[in-house]
């Protein structure tokens, strides 16, 4: 069986400010760094065939902190990047709701209708997540793979595992910083083995 350990990056300064990051970046908070180290301790006896990260600074730093002194090289894949949010990026949710009220409503309440001319839809993210998984299954048949990515990417992963539509993207669980989602792949089928677990966090 192939086991995929999907991790959301640790808490960032913009996360703490309720600010939307998208393709922009901010530094990990002390909590974000500490949670990543705690997750590394939790996984220290798990051998990983590969470590793959989004190219974002916040995911790469999280991957390094989780990996500790392990010698695995960290690969990057742009398909693991966070949803591109166009003009929303760098703004707080309150600012976005004020400037883009109908679009903001769709994002959180009618996600299947959400469109962003300067960015991506949820379907765009779901399609590139599926492409990433297809390539991974073709190149790695068994073992453990650590994947450090972003909240919306992991949310679309749940849709793919459940064969669900975009309407259901915000269903539980919440994907907190450094949460662990474990996916098993056997005969090409995805099975959710662990969902959004933060048992390692203080």
C-alpha atoms as a PDB file:
ATOM      1  CA  UNK A   1       0.000   0.000   0.000  1.00  0.00           C
ATOM      2  CA  UNK A   2       1.043   3.575  -0.691  1.00  0.00           C
ATOM      3  CA  UNK A   3       0.447   5.875   2.295  1.00  0.00           C
ATOM      4  CA  UNK A   4       0.348   9.635   1.816  1.00  0.00           C
ATOM      5  CA  UNK A   5       0.893  11.844   4.858  1.00  0.00           C
ATOM      6  CA  UNK A   6      -0.694  15.164   3.886  1.00  0.00           C
ATOM      7  CA  UNK A   7       0.276  18.059   6.159  1.00  0.00           C
ATOM      8  CA  UNK A   8      -0.914  21.640   6.133  1.00  0.00           C
ATOM      9  CA  UNK A   9       1.884  24.144   6.789  1.00  0.00           C
ATOM     10  CA  UNK A  10       2.285  25.554  10.301  1.00  0.00           C
ATOM     11  CA  UNK A  11       0.468  28.672  11.448  1.00  0.00           C
ATOM     12  CA  UNK A  12       1.780  31.866   9.826  1.00  0.00           C
ATOM     13  CA  UNK A  13       1.673  35.511  10.885  1.00  0.00           C
ATOM     14  CA  UNK A  14      -1.076  36.154   8.326  1.00  0.00           C
ATOM     15  CA  UNK A  15      -3.075  33.154   9.548  1.00  0.00           C
ATOM     16  CA  UNK A  16      -2.994  34.696  13.021  1.00  0.00           C
ATOM     17  CA  UNK A  17      -4.242  38.000  11.524  1.00  0.00           C
ATOM     18  CA  UNK A  18      -7.066  36.250   9.605  1.00  0.00           C
ATOM     19  CA  UNK A  19      -5.413  37.437   6.397  1.00  0.00           C
ATOM     20  CA  UNK A  20      -5.778  35.482   3.129  1.00  0.00           C
ATOM     21  CA  UNK A  21      -2.417  34.397   1.710  1.00  0.00           C
ATOM     22  CA  UNK A  22      -3.036  32.456  -1.492  1.00  0.00           C
ATOM     23  CA  UNK A  23       0.202  32.582  -3.487  1.00  0.00           C
ATOM     24  CA  UNK A  24       1.703  35.279  -1.246  1.00  0.00           C
ATOM     25  CA  UNK A  25       3.618  34.301   1.865  1.00  0.00           C
ATOM     26  CA  UNK A  26       4.269  35.208   5.478  1.00  0.00           C
ATOM     27  CA  UNK A  27       6.565  33.759   8.115  1.00  0.00           C
ATOM     28  CA  UNK A  28       5.636  30.934  10.438  1.00  0.00           C
ATOM     29  CA  UNK A  29       4.712  32.026  13.959  1.00  0.00           C
ATOM     30  CA  UNK A  30       6.451  30.548  16.978  1.00  0.00           C
ATOM     31  CA  UNK A  31       3.402  28.298  17.385  1.00  0.00           C
ATOM     32  CA  UNK A  32       3.681  27.229  13.732  1.00  0.00           C
ATOM     33  CA  UNK A  33       7.336  26.307  14.158  1.00  0.00           C
ATOM     34  CA  UNK A  34       6.759  24.507  17.443  1.00  0.00           C
ATOM     35  CA  UNK A  35       3.800  22.525  16.077  1.00  0.00           C
ATOM     36  CA  UNK A  36       5.910  21.424  13.098  1.00  0.00           C
ATOM     37  CA  UNK A  37       8.672  20.212  15.416  1.00  0.00           C
ATOM     38  CA  UNK A  38       6.104  18.334  17.526  1.00  0.00           C
ATOM     39  CA  UNK A  39       4.760  16.673  14.376  1.00  0.00           C
ATOM     40  CA  UNK A  40       8.316  15.745  13.434  1.00  0.00           C
ATOM     41  CA  UNK A  41       8.659  14.053  16.823  1.00  0.00           C
ATOM     42  CA  UNK A  42       5.366  12.241  16.233  1.00  0.00           C
ATOM     43  CA  UNK A  43       6.587  10.945  12.859  1.00  0.00           C
ATOM     44  CA  UNK A  44      10.238  10.341  13.735  1.00  0.00           C
ATOM     45  CA  UNK A  45       9.930   6.552  13.452  1.00  0.00           C
ATOM     46  CA  UNK A  46       8.085   6.659  10.119  1.00  0.00           C
ATOM     47  CA  UNK A  47      10.426   6.101   7.156  1.00  0.00           C
ATOM     48  CA  UNK A  48       9.517   8.236   4.130  1.00  0.00           C
ATOM     49  CA  UNK A  49      10.309   7.272   0.570  1.00  0.00           C
ATOM     50  CA  UNK A  50       9.815  10.877  -0.537  1.00  0.00           C
ATOM     51  CA  UNK A  51       9.094  14.310   0.935  1.00  0.00           C
ATOM     52  CA  UNK A  52       7.212  16.604  -1.441  1.00  0.00           C
ATOM     53  CA  UNK A  53       6.269  20.207  -0.713  1.00  0.00           C
ATOM     54  CA  UNK A  54       4.531  23.138  -2.298  1.00  0.00           C
ATOM     55  CA  UNK A  55       7.230  25.654  -3.350  1.00  0.00           C
ATOM     56  CA  UNK A  56       5.845  28.258  -0.910  1.00  0.00           C
ATOM     57  CA  UNK A  57       8.220  29.425   1.812  1.00  0.00           C
ATOM     58  CA  UNK A  58       5.784  28.495   4.584  1.00  0.00           C
ATOM     59  CA  UNK A  59       5.426  24.893   3.396  1.00  0.00           C
ATOM     60  CA  UNK A  60       9.141  24.389   2.771  1.00  0.00           C
ATOM     61  CA  UNK A  61       9.998  25.661   6.238  1.00  0.00           C
ATOM     62  CA  UNK A  62       7.353  23.378   7.731  1.00  0.00           C
ATOM     63  CA  UNK A  63       8.757  20.411   5.798  1.00  0.00           C
ATOM     64  CA  UNK A  64      12.284  21.127   7.054  1.00  0.00           C
ATOM     65  CA  UNK A  65      11.108  21.422  10.658  1.00  0.00           C
ATOM     66  CA  UNK A  66       9.132  18.163  10.422  1.00  0.00           C
ATOM     67  CA  UNK A  67      12.035  16.368   8.783  1.00  0.00           C
ATOM     68  CA  UNK A  68      14.547  17.460  11.410  1.00  0.00           C
ATOM     69  CA  UNK A  69      17.897  15.846  10.695  1.00  0.00           C
ATOM     70  CA  UNK A  70      16.542  13.345   8.161  1.00  0.00           C
ATOM     71  CA  UNK A  71      18.546  13.238   4.953  1.00  0.00           C
ATOM     72  CA  UNK A  72      15.596  13.014   2.568  1.00  0.00           C
ATOM     73  CA  UNK A  73      15.690  15.636  -0.144  1.00  0.00           C
ATOM     74  CA  UNK A  74      12.583  17.787  -0.276  1.00  0.00           C
ATOM     75  CA  UNK A  75      11.010  17.802  -3.732  1.00  0.00           C
ATOM     76  CA  UNK A  76       8.695  20.621  -4.808  1.00  0.00           C
ATOM     77  CA  UNK A  77       5.615  20.526  -7.028  1.00  0.00           C
ATOM     78  CA  UNK A  78       3.678  23.642  -8.103  1.00  0.00           C
ATOM     79  CA  UNK A  79       0.440  21.640  -8.182  1.00  0.00           C
ATOM     80  CA  UNK A  80       0.594  21.692  -4.379  1.00  0.00           C
ATOM     81  CA  UNK A  81       0.453  25.507  -4.203  1.00  0.00           C
ATOM     82  CA  UNK A  82      -2.433  27.195  -2.397  1.00  0.00           C
ATOM     83  CA  UNK A  83      -5.430  28.431  -4.394  1.00  0.00           C
ATOM     84  CA  UNK A  84      -4.581  31.639  -6.271  1.00  0.00           C
ATOM     85  CA  UNK A  85      -6.839  34.332  -4.830  1.00  0.00           C
ATOM     86  CA  UNK A  86      -6.013  37.225  -7.148  1.00  0.00           C
ATOM     87  CA  UNK A  87      -6.835  40.622  -5.610  1.00  0.00           C
ATOM     88  CA  UNK A  88      -7.814  39.027  -2.292  1.00  0.00           C
ATOM     89  CA  UNK A  89      -4.250  38.049  -1.460  1.00  0.00           C
ATOM     90  CA  UNK A  90      -2.781  39.902   1.503  1.00  0.00           C
ATOM     91  CA  UNK A  91      -6.152  41.247   2.662  1.00  0.00           C
ATOM     92  CA  UNK A  92      -8.036  40.306   5.816  1.00  0.00           C
ATOM     93  CA  UNK A  93     -11.314  38.456   5.495  1.00  0.00           C
ATOM     94  CA  UNK A  94     -13.122  41.552   6.804  1.00  0.00           C
ATOM     95  CA  UNK A  95     -11.550  43.687   4.068  1.00  0.00           C
ATOM     96  CA  UNK A  96     -12.445  41.130   1.391  1.00  0.00           C
ATOM     97  CA  UNK A  97     -16.043  40.838   2.564  1.00  0.00           C
ATOM     98  CA  UNK A  98     -16.411  44.620   2.404  1.00  0.00           C
ATOM     99  CA  UNK A  99     -14.846  45.005  -1.067  1.00  0.00           C
ATOM    100  CA  UNK A 100     -16.127  41.795  -2.708  1.00  0.00           C
ATOM    101  CA  UNK A 101     -19.334  40.897  -0.808  1.00  0.00           C
ATOM    102  CA  UNK A 102     -21.011  38.602  -3.360  1.00  0.00           C
ATOM    103  CA  UNK A 103     -17.775  36.856  -4.307  1.00  0.00           C
ATOM    104  CA  UNK A 104     -16.878  36.397  -0.632  1.00  0.00           C
ATOM    105  CA  UNK A 105     -20.322  34.917   0.036  1.00  0.00           C
ATOM    106  CA  UNK A 106     -19.869  32.441  -2.810  1.00  0.00           C
ATOM    107  CA  UNK A 107     -16.413  31.422  -1.590  1.00  0.00           C
ATOM    108  CA  UNK A 108     -17.693  30.340   1.820  1.00  0.00           C
ATOM    109  CA  UNK A 109     -21.364  29.494   1.155  1.00  0.00           C
ATOM    110  CA  UNK A 110     -21.728  28.540  -2.532  1.00  0.00           C
ATOM    111  CA  UNK A 111     -18.228  27.335  -3.423  1.00  0.00           C
ATOM    112  CA  UNK A 112     -19.390  25.765  -6.695  1.00  0.00           C
ATOM    113  CA  UNK A 113     -20.260  29.294  -7.894  1.00  0.00           C
ATOM    114  CA  UNK A 114     -17.036  30.965  -6.760  1.00  0.00           C
ATOM    115  CA  UNK A 115     -15.026  32.529  -9.589  1.00  0.00           C
ATOM    116  CA  UNK A 116     -11.964  34.776  -9.461  1.00  0.00           C
ATOM    117  CA  UNK A 117     -10.843  36.348 -12.733  1.00  0.00           C
ATOM    118  CA  UNK A 118      -7.358  37.021 -11.375  1.00  0.00           C
ATOM    119  CA  UNK A 119      -7.042  33.629  -9.699  1.00  0.00           C
ATOM    120  CA  UNK A 120      -8.469  30.114  -9.564  1.00  0.00           C
ATOM    121  CA  UNK A 121     -11.723  28.331  -8.846  1.00  0.00           C
ATOM    122  CA  UNK A 122     -11.999  25.391  -6.464  1.00  0.00           C
ATOM    123  CA  UNK A 123     -12.389  23.132  -9.488  1.00  0.00           C
ATOM    124  CA  UNK A 124      -9.021  24.344 -10.803  1.00  0.00           C
ATOM    125  CA  UNK A 125      -7.394  23.295  -7.528  1.00  0.00           C
ATOM    126  CA  UNK A 126      -9.234  19.967  -7.481  1.00  0.00           C
ATOM    127  CA  UNK A 127      -8.045  19.182 -11.013  1.00  0.00           C
ATOM    128  CA  UNK A 128      -4.388  19.906 -10.275  1.00  0.00           C
ATOM    129  CA  UNK A 129      -4.572  17.926  -7.034  1.00  0.00           C
ATOM    130  CA  UNK A 130      -5.939  14.980  -9.034  1.00  0.00           C
ATOM    131  CA  UNK A 131      -3.129  15.383 -11.574  1.00  0.00           C
ATOM    132  CA  UNK A 132      -0.539  15.355  -8.779  1.00  0.00           C
ATOM    133  CA  UNK A 133      -2.043  12.177  -7.302  1.00  0.00           C
ATOM    134  CA  UNK A 134      -2.135  10.431 -10.674  1.00  0.00           C
ATOM    135  CA  UNK A 135       1.557  11.153 -11.271  1.00  0.00           C
ATOM    136  CA  UNK A 136       2.460  10.095  -7.726  1.00  0.00           C
ATOM    137  CA  UNK A 137       0.639   6.772  -8.100  1.00  0.00           C
ATOM    138  CA  UNK A 138       2.475   6.181 -11.383  1.00  0.00           C
ATOM    139  CA  UNK A 139       5.933   6.828  -9.895  1.00  0.00           C
ATOM    140  CA  UNK A 140       5.641   5.495  -6.328  1.00  0.00           C
ATOM    141  CA  UNK A 141       3.802   2.218  -5.835  1.00  0.00           C
ATOM    142  CA  UNK A 142       4.269   1.658  -2.087  1.00  0.00           C
ATOM    143  CA  UNK A 143       5.774   3.047   1.083  1.00  0.00           C
ATOM    144  CA  UNK A 144       5.207   6.362   2.845  1.00  0.00           C
ATOM    145  CA  UNK A 145       5.265   9.813   1.248  1.00  0.00           C
ATOM    146  CA  UNK A 146       5.185  13.060   3.252  1.00  0.00           C
ATOM    147  CA  UNK A 147       3.389  15.904   1.442  1.00  0.00           C
ATOM    148  CA  UNK A 148       3.368  19.446   2.839  1.00  0.00           C
ATOM    149  CA  UNK A 149       0.788  21.713   1.248  1.00  0.00           C
ATOM    150  CA  UNK A 150      -2.110  24.114   1.950  1.00  0.00           C
ATOM    151  CA  UNK A 151      -5.634  24.095   3.307  1.00  0.00           C
ATOM    152  CA  UNK A 152      -7.630  24.292   0.069  1.00  0.00           C
ATOM    153  CA  UNK A 153      -5.470  21.640  -1.600  1.00  0.00           C
ATOM    154  CA  UNK A 154      -6.176  19.265   1.287  1.00  0.00           C
ATOM    155  CA  UNK A 155      -9.871  20.136   1.138  1.00  0.00           C
ATOM    156  CA  UNK A 156      -9.962  19.123  -2.545  1.00  0.00           C
ATOM    157  CA  UNK A 157      -8.119  15.932  -1.601  1.00  0.00           C
ATOM    158  CA  UNK A 158     -11.079  15.036   0.622  1.00  0.00           C
ATOM    159  CA  UNK A 159     -13.429  15.605  -2.308  1.00  0.00           C
ATOM    160  CA  UNK A 160     -11.377  13.244  -4.465  1.00  0.00           C
ATOM    161  CA  UNK A 161     -11.238  10.574  -1.739  1.00  0.00           C
ATOM    162  CA  UNK A 162     -14.999  10.800  -1.193  1.00  0.00           C
ATOM    163  CA  UNK A 163     -15.886  11.236  -4.867  1.00  0.00           C
ATOM    164  CA  UNK A 164     -17.705  14.406  -3.781  1.00  0.00           C
ATOM    165  CA  UNK A 165     -18.601  17.630  -5.572  1.00  0.00           C
ATOM    166  CA  UNK A 166     -17.269  21.142  -4.970  1.00  0.00           C
ATOM    167  CA  UNK A 167     -20.413  21.995  -2.974  1.00  0.00           C
ATOM    168  CA  UNK A 168     -19.052  19.871  -0.126  1.00  0.00           C
ATOM    169  CA  UNK A 169     -15.566  21.411   0.111  1.00  0.00           C
ATOM    170  CA  UNK A 170     -16.120  23.091   3.492  1.00  0.00           C
ATOM    171  CA  UNK A 171     -17.516  20.020   5.229  1.00  0.00           C
ATOM    172  CA  UNK A 172     -15.544  18.877   8.326  1.00  0.00           C
ATOM    173  CA  UNK A 173     -12.855  18.344   9.335  1.00  0.00           C
ATOM    174  CA  UNK A 174     -11.234  21.746   9.779  1.00  0.00           C
ATOM    175  CA  UNK A 175      -7.684  21.715   8.376  1.00  0.00           C
ATOM    176  CA  UNK A 176      -5.598  23.437  11.064  1.00  0.00           C
ATOM    177  CA  UNK A 177      -1.898  24.226  10.889  1.00  0.00           C
ATOM    178  CA  UNK A 178       0.296  21.069  10.818  1.00  0.00           C
ATOM    179  CA  UNK A 179      -2.801  18.845  10.844  1.00  0.00           C
ATOM    180  CA  UNK A 180      -2.170  15.338   9.549  1.00  0.00           C
ATOM    181  CA  UNK A 181      -4.379  13.647   6.964  1.00  0.00           C
ATOM    182  CA  UNK A 182      -3.418  10.097   6.044  1.00  0.00           C
ATOM    183  CA  UNK A 183      -4.496   8.622   2.713  1.00  0.00           C
ATOM    184  CA  UNK A 184      -4.025   4.993   1.759  1.00  0.00           C
ATOM    185  CA  UNK A 185      -3.903   4.015  -1.913  1.00  0.00           C
ATOM    186  CA  UNK A 186      -4.502   0.411  -2.889  1.00  0.00           C
ATOM    187  CA  UNK A 187      -5.286  -0.698  -6.457  1.00  0.00           C
ATOM    188  CA  UNK A 188      -5.644   2.952  -7.433  1.00  0.00           C
ATOM    189  CA  UNK A 189      -8.359   3.663  -4.856  1.00  0.00           C
ATOM    190  CA  UNK A 190      -8.052   6.370  -2.198  1.00  0.00           C
ATOM    191  CA  UNK A 191      -9.015   5.643   1.400  1.00  0.00           C
ATOM    192  CA  UNK A 192      -9.078   8.217   4.203  1.00  0.00           C
ATOM    193  CA  UNK A 193      -7.251   6.662   7.170  1.00  0.00           C
ATOM    194  CA  UNK A 194      -6.852   9.765   9.367  1.00  0.00           C
ATOM    195  CA  UNK A 195      -8.512  13.176   9.002  1.00  0.00           C
ATOM    196  CA  UNK A 196      -7.100  16.541  10.045  1.00  0.00           C
ATOM    197  CA  UNK A 197      -5.435  15.207  13.209  1.00  0.00           C
ATOM    198  CA  UNK A 198      -3.647  17.676  15.505  1.00  0.00           C
ATOM    199  CA  UNK A 199      -3.030  15.328  18.444  1.00  0.00           C
ATOM    200  CA  UNK A 200       0.648  16.353  18.447  1.00  0.00           C
ATOM    201  CA  UNK A 201      -0.097  20.046  19.081  1.00  0.00           C
ATOM    202  CA  UNK A 202       0.031  21.576  22.553  1.00  0.00           C
END
